[in-house]
């Protein structure tokens, strides 16, 4: 990691931040056009609210329209923002160039900190460098575990996608699966590729890869259906996000296939599907925790100079499996939109 700037020259010990509050009022998240909702909600959050000076944090992700995974990330970020007296400005775009422009907007607005996903790290390198040159601390979350140090970020909060994929492949070996198709909804997304590569590495059967357009769910459904009709030997569909898993269940029915569906990531509908058996299992990377820790880390850095993981190790939030054996414990939190 680049430690050339004065603010990074010190070697700091790892710190584990535990947020304890009697109650948290979730701050409404701002759109890319402003932070009014977040600011108003944060002003109403009296219990457990920090008395430190107001600061502004930009959370910039590669969220695609309709991808409910990011709702959970945002809720975590909003909870931390409410507690820490932070104005949270959220923006997102699945196009890497557009996402970089959103980061540039945050730099131009002279925010106090930036939390960013690195689904396509090469596209973000230049603008992250500009943020750091402007003295704005940047942390990573969700995507980019292999690249955050190279890009000079302070910290990273997320899942090791390769490890998660390998664990997923091992899990499939216990289910009797022989041939799977791994469905990638965004070509070029490093984290998604690492997931499928990890599955293939440890799964003892045959693995096919299927690319779909994740921004067009009817197309996702028809593409998976066509694949299952074409190859009746596929016994498991592996998806990389909860909405795609639920769509894959429909595809299995449309194709007249007996294939099972297993997935990465959760939402409340996916949890119900695990409960009723239409989804075999899911990997939870705890997106609420990713959003919460990213915002809280920037507050800690500004107010106490802390680096989680000492600035050299990521803070891992997953993987953990959710299946019939433990899904009921997760369901009550999923119903609140926090798992």
Foldseek 3Di string as FASTA:
>chain_A
DDQPDPLRPDQDDADDDDQDWPDFFFFDEAELVDQVRRLVSLVVGDTQADPDDEFEEEEEEADFPPALLVVLLNRLLRRLCSNDNYRYYYYHHNDLLVSLVSLLVVLVVVGQEYEYEPQPVVSNLVSLVVSVVSVHAYEYEAHDQVCCVVSPHQAYEWAPLLVQLLVVLVVVQVVPFAEEEEEAQDPSRVSSVSNLVSNVVNHPHYYHYHYFNNNDLVRLLVRLLVVCLVDQSHAEYEYEGQVSQVSNLVSCVVNVHNHAYEYEDDALVSLVCLQVVNHAKYWHQQSSVRSNCRNNQSSCCVPPVHGHVSSPHHHGSDTDMDHNVCSVVCNVVNVVVND
